[in-house]
Amino acid sequence: MVQQLQPETTAGVIYPDSDGQPMADNTKQFRWIVTIKENLEILFATRDDVFVAGDLLWYPVQGDNKIRQAPDAMVVFGRGKGDRGSYRQWEENNIPVQVVFEILSPGNTLKEMAKKLQFYQRYGVEEYYVYDPDRIDFNGWLRVGNTLEVIEDIQGWISPRLGIRFDLNPTTLEIYYPDGRKFLTSVELSQKLEQESQRAEQERQQKESALTELEAERQRYQDLLQKLQQQGINPEEL
């Protein structure tokens, strides 16, 4: 059952902005966290009511700073964008985090992940996704009533909240925007923008060349017309 988060105010409680844990244990995990978080930012860039964050502490219960979790990436609908030191739910119109992503590293234990699942189930997460980039293993849970139930057929799954699609192949997980575009790393995105810029420049040069040739052809016509007129020949009478 999702806990009702309306405890009495406890004065003097400090809610740290850091739990002392690293964001990632290795480059692969870090790359996946950043890629998912940044692409979600892009996806909802025009929505002022969608908050996206990565490795941000979420405190669901006012007065208890021990109840907390820092999802690798999280999405909250109904809350404005902006910087935060932590997500203190009672200061956010009591809206819980709705979508969570966790990227596994070799240091994650089954006990740790089980506790995270219990936490997300208890405090209102609607969609929970876990990807292990070393084992190429992807799993998801969807809220049904008061529990998070395993998504049995995750291949090709489309997130109800986000509208993004997940495709798991033998070498990696691929995530697609609702319009079919693929989630890209910052390097891949930069390369794609550079390619598009080069293609646009080539098209501009081709158009410029075509216009130059057209102008040259027009000038040749005018020169020929002038020569004919100098010889007393009116082309319109031919």
Protein backbone atom coordinates (compact mmCIF):
# COMPACT_ATOMS: atom_id res chain seq x y z
CA MET A 1 0.00 0.00 0.00
CA VAL A 2 1.33 3.47 -0.89
CA GLN A 3 2.01 5.33 2.33
CA GLN A 4 0.14 8.58 2.96
CA LEU A 5 2.92 11.13 3.32
CA GLN A 6 1.49 13.65 5.79
CA PRO A 7 3.47 13.24 9.02
CA GLU A 8 3.73 16.02 11.56
CA THR A 9 6.45 18.60 11.00
CA THR A 10 9.64 17.88 12.88
CA ALA A 11 11.65 20.99 13.62
CA GLY A 12 15.41 20.99 13.25
CA VAL A 13 15.66 17.99 10.92
CA ILE A 14 18.46 18.35 8.37
CA TYR A 15 18.03 16.78 4.94
CA PRO A 16 21.52 16.39 3.40
CA ASP A 17 21.88 16.94 -0.35
CA SER A 18 24.39 14.07 -0.56
CA ASP A 19 24.42 10.53 0.75
CA GLY A 20 28.19 10.24 0.35
CA GLN A 21 27.85 7.63 -2.37
CA PRO A 22 29.38 8.07 -5.86
CA MET A 23 27.07 8.69 -8.78
CA ALA A 24 28.59 5.75 -10.65
CA ASP A 25 31.18 3.03 -10.13
CA ASN A 26 32.55 2.99 -13.68
CA THR A 27 32.51 4.82 -17.00
CA LYS A 28 29.92 2.54 -18.59
CA GLN A 29 27.41 3.05 -15.80
CA PHE A 30 28.04 6.80 -15.77
CA ARG A 31 27.56 7.02 -19.56
CA TRP A 32 24.21 5.25 -19.36
CA ILE A 33 22.99 7.41 -16.47
CA VAL A 34 23.90 10.62 -18.29
CA THR A 35 22.47 9.41 -21.62
CA ILE A 36 19.09 8.48 -20.14
CA LYS A 37 18.85 11.59 -17.98
CA GLU A 38 19.87 14.02 -20.74
CA ASN A 39 17.61 12.45 -23.38
CA LEU A 40 14.69 12.65 -20.96
CA GLU A 41 15.53 16.33 -20.48
CA ILE A 42 15.42 16.77 -24.25
CA LEU A 43 12.15 14.83 -24.52
CA PHE A 44 10.41 17.13 -22.05
CA ALA A 45 12.30 20.35 -22.83
CA THR A 46 9.09 22.12 -23.84
CA ARG A 47 7.10 20.88 -20.84
CA ASP A 48 7.37 23.26 -17.90
CA ASP A 49 5.52 20.81 -15.67
CA VAL A 50 7.99 17.91 -15.95
CA PHE A 51 11.03 17.70 -13.68
CA VAL A 52 13.91 15.41 -14.65
CA ALA A 53 16.94 14.71 -12.47
CA GLY A 54 19.83 12.32 -12.03
CA ASP A 55 21.36 11.07 -8.77
CA LEU A 56 19.16 13.41 -6.73
CA LEU A 57 18.17 12.44 -3.21
CA TRP A 58 14.43 11.97 -2.81
CA TYR A 59 12.99 12.41 0.67
CA PRO A 60 9.37 11.24 0.66
CA VAL A 61 8.61 11.73 4.37
CA GLN A 62 8.89 15.04 6.17
CA GLY A 63 10.62 14.71 9.50
CA ASP A 64 12.61 11.57 8.63
CA ASN A 65 15.90 12.09 6.82
CA LYS A 66 16.76 8.39 6.93
CA ILE A 67 14.00 7.51 4.47
CA ARG A 68 15.59 8.48 1.18
CA GLN A 69 16.78 7.18 -2.16
CA ALA A 70 18.81 8.67 -5.02
CA PRO A 71 17.58 7.20 -8.33
CA ASP A 72 20.08 7.23 -11.17
CA ALA A 73 17.44 9.04 -13.22
CA MET A 74 13.95 10.12 -12.25
CA VAL A 75 10.97 11.92 -13.74
CA VAL A 76 8.24 13.83 -11.91
CA PHE A 77 5.13 15.02 -13.72
CA GLY A 78 3.36 18.00 -12.22
CA ARG A 79 6.45 19.76 -10.88
CA GLY A 80 8.30 22.65 -12.45
CA LYS A 81 11.84 22.59 -13.74
CA GLY A 82 14.65 24.19 -11.77
CA ASP A 83 17.63 23.37 -9.60
CA ARG A 84 17.17 21.52 -6.34
CA GLY A 85 19.57 20.21 -3.72
CA SER A 86 17.18 17.32 -3.09
CA TYR A 87 13.60 16.39 -3.87
CA ARG A 88 11.68 16.95 -0.63
CA GLN A 89 8.27 15.66 -1.48
CA TRP A 90 6.30 17.74 1.04
CA GLU A 91 7.74 20.87 -0.62
CA GLU A 92 6.67 19.59 -4.06
CA ASN A 93 2.92 19.58 -3.52
CA ASN A 94 3.38 16.07 -2.10
CA ILE A 95 3.85 14.65 -5.61
CA PRO A 96 5.99 11.49 -5.60
CA VAL A 97 8.55 10.53 -8.21
CA GLN A 98 6.65 8.63 -10.90
CA VAL A 99 9.36 7.10 -13.12
CA VAL A 100 12.73 5.76 -11.98
CA PHE A 101 15.75 4.32 -13.80
CA GLU A 102 18.59 2.43 -12.15
CA ILE A 103 21.77 1.39 -13.97
CA LEU A 104 23.53 -1.53 -12.33
CA SER A 105 27.23 -1.78 -11.65
CA PRO A 106 29.21 -4.82 -10.41
CA GLY A 107 29.00 -3.32 -6.92
CA ASN A 108 25.22 -3.54 -6.69
CA THR A 109 23.92 -6.42 -4.58
CA LEU A 110 20.64 -8.30 -4.79
CA LYS A 111 19.80 -7.17 -1.25
CA GLU A 112 20.40 -3.55 -2.19
CA MET A 113 18.23 -3.76 -5.29
CA ALA A 114 15.47 -5.56 -3.38
CA LYS A 115 15.42 -2.70 -0.86
CA LYS A 116 15.20 -0.17 -3.67
CA LEU A 117 12.25 -2.00 -5.21
CA GLN A 118 10.49 -2.02 -1.83
CA PHE A 119 11.18 1.68 -1.39
CA TYR A 120 9.86 2.64 -4.83
CA GLN A 121 6.81 0.45 -4.38
CA ARG A 122 6.03 1.90 -0.95
CA TYR A 123 6.42 5.53 -1.92
CA GLY A 124 4.43 5.71 -5.11
CA VAL A 125 6.68 5.11 -8.12
CA GLU A 126 4.57 4.12 -11.13
CA GLU A 127 7.30 2.81 -13.45
CA TYR A 128 10.65 1.36 -12.42
CA TYR A 129 13.33 0.26 -14.90
CA VAL A 130 16.65 -1.47 -14.21
CA TYR A 131 19.38 -2.01 -16.80
CA ASP A 132 22.56 -4.04 -16.35
CA PRO A 133 24.91 -2.95 -19.17
CA ASP A 134 27.42 -5.70 -18.40
CA ARG A 135 24.93 -8.56 -18.68
CA ILE A 136 22.72 -6.77 -21.23
CA ASP A 137 19.77 -7.41 -18.94
CA PHE A 138 16.78 -5.09 -18.75
CA ASN A 139 13.78 -5.35 -16.46
CA GLY A 140 10.81 -3.17 -15.64
CA TRP A 141 8.02 -2.90 -13.12
CA LEU A 142 4.66 -1.18 -13.52
CA ARG A 143 2.36 -0.10 -10.72
CA VAL A 144 -0.85 -2.06 -10.51
CA GLY A 145 -2.89 -0.88 -7.56
CA ASN A 146 -0.56 -0.70 -4.58
CA THR A 147 2.24 -2.86 -5.95
CA LEU A 148 4.90 -2.75 -8.64
CA GLU A 149 4.46 -5.79 -10.84
CA VAL A 150 7.07 -7.16 -13.24
CA ILE A 151 6.58 -6.31 -16.90
CA GLU A 152 6.64 -9.81 -18.35
CA ASP A 153 7.23 -8.83 -21.99
CA ILE A 154 9.71 -5.97 -21.84
CA GLN A 155 10.90 -6.28 -25.45
CA GLY A 156 9.42 -3.39 -27.42
CA TRP A 157 7.76 -2.07 -24.28
CA ILE A 158 6.45 1.52 -24.47
CA SER A 159 6.45 3.49 -21.23
CA PRO A 160 2.91 4.63 -20.43
CA ARG A 161 4.18 7.81 -18.79
CA LEU A 162 7.11 8.69 -21.06
CA GLY A 163 6.00 7.29 -24.41
CA ILE A 164 9.52 5.98 -25.09
CA ARG A 165 10.20 2.49 -26.45
CA PHE A 166 12.76 -0.04 -25.24
CA ASP A 167 14.43 -2.56 -27.56
CA LEU A 168 16.87 -5.06 -26.09
CA ASN A 169 19.22 -6.77 -28.53
CA PRO A 170 22.17 -9.13 -27.87
CA THR A 171 24.67 -6.27 -27.60
CA THR A 172 22.85 -3.39 -25.91
CA LEU A 173 19.63 -1.68 -24.88
CA GLU A 174 18.24 0.84 -27.35
CA ILE A 175 15.73 3.49 -26.32
CA TYR A 176 13.61 5.45 -28.78
CA TYR A 177 11.69 8.71 -28.57
CA PRO A 178 7.95 8.60 -29.35
CA ASP A 179 8.75 9.89 -32.86
CA GLY A 180 11.20 7.04 -33.50
CA ARG A 181 14.46 8.88 -32.91
CA LYS A 182 17.05 6.95 -30.92
CA PHE A 183 18.45 8.06 -27.57
CA LEU A 184 22.01 9.21 -28.30
CA THR A 185 25.04 9.92 -26.16
CA SER A 186 26.32 13.51 -26.14
CA VAL A 187 29.14 12.47 -28.49
CA GLU A 188 26.74 10.77 -30.91
CA LEU A 189 24.43 13.77 -30.79
CA SER A 190 27.33 16.13 -31.50
CA GLN A 191 28.46 13.97 -34.43
CA LYS A 192 24.92 13.87 -35.83
CA LEU A 193 24.58 17.65 -35.56
CA GLU A 194 27.93 18.07 -37.31
CA GLN A 195 26.86 15.73 -40.11
CA GLU A 196 23.57 17.62 -40.51
CA SER A 197 25.48 20.91 -40.54
CA GLN A 198 27.83 19.63 -43.23
CA ARG A 199 24.91 18.31 -45.27
CA ALA A 200 23.13 21.68 -44.98
CA GLU A 201 26.31 23.46 -46.07
CA GLN A 202 26.68 21.16 -49.08
CA GLU A 203 23.07 21.81 -50.07
CA ARG A 204 23.64 25.56 -49.69
CA GLN A 205 26.73 25.39 -51.89
CA GLN A 206 24.89 23.31 -54.50
CA LYS A 207 22.02 25.82 -54.58
CA GLU A 208 24.50 28.69 -54.78
CA SER A 209 26.31 26.96 -57.63
CA ALA A 210 23.04 26.36 -59.46
CA LEU A 211 22.05 30.01 -59.05
CA THR A 212 25.46 31.10 -60.31
CA GLU A 213 25.12 28.89 -63.36
CA LEU A 214 21.61 30.21 -63.99
CA GLU A 215 22.86 33.77 -63.76
CA ALA A 216 25.72 32.95 -66.13
CA GLU A 217 23.24 31.43 -68.61
CA ARG A 218 21.05 34.52 -68.36
CA GLN A 219 24.07 36.74 -69.02
CA ARG A 220 25.05 34.68 -72.07
CA TYR A 221 21.52 35.10 -73.41
CA GLN A 222 21.66 38.85 -72.87
CA ASP A 223 25.03 39.05 -74.62
CA LEU A 224 23.69 37.07 -77.60
CA LEU A 225 20.58 39.24 -77.74
CA GLN A 226 22.70 42.40 -77.75
CA LYS A 227 24.91 41.10 -80.59
CA LEU A 228 21.87 40.26 -82.71
CA GLN A 229 20.38 43.70 -82.12
CA GLN A 230 23.68 45.33 -83.08
CA GLN A 231 23.47 43.44 -86.39
CA GLY A 232 19.95 44.75 -86.94
CA ILE A 233 18.32 41.44 -86.15
CA ASN A 234 15.25 41.40 -83.94
CA PRO A 235 14.94 37.89 -82.43
CA GLU A 236 11.21 38.40 -81.85
CA GLU A 237 10.70 38.70 -85.61
CA LEU A 238 12.51 35.44 -86.38
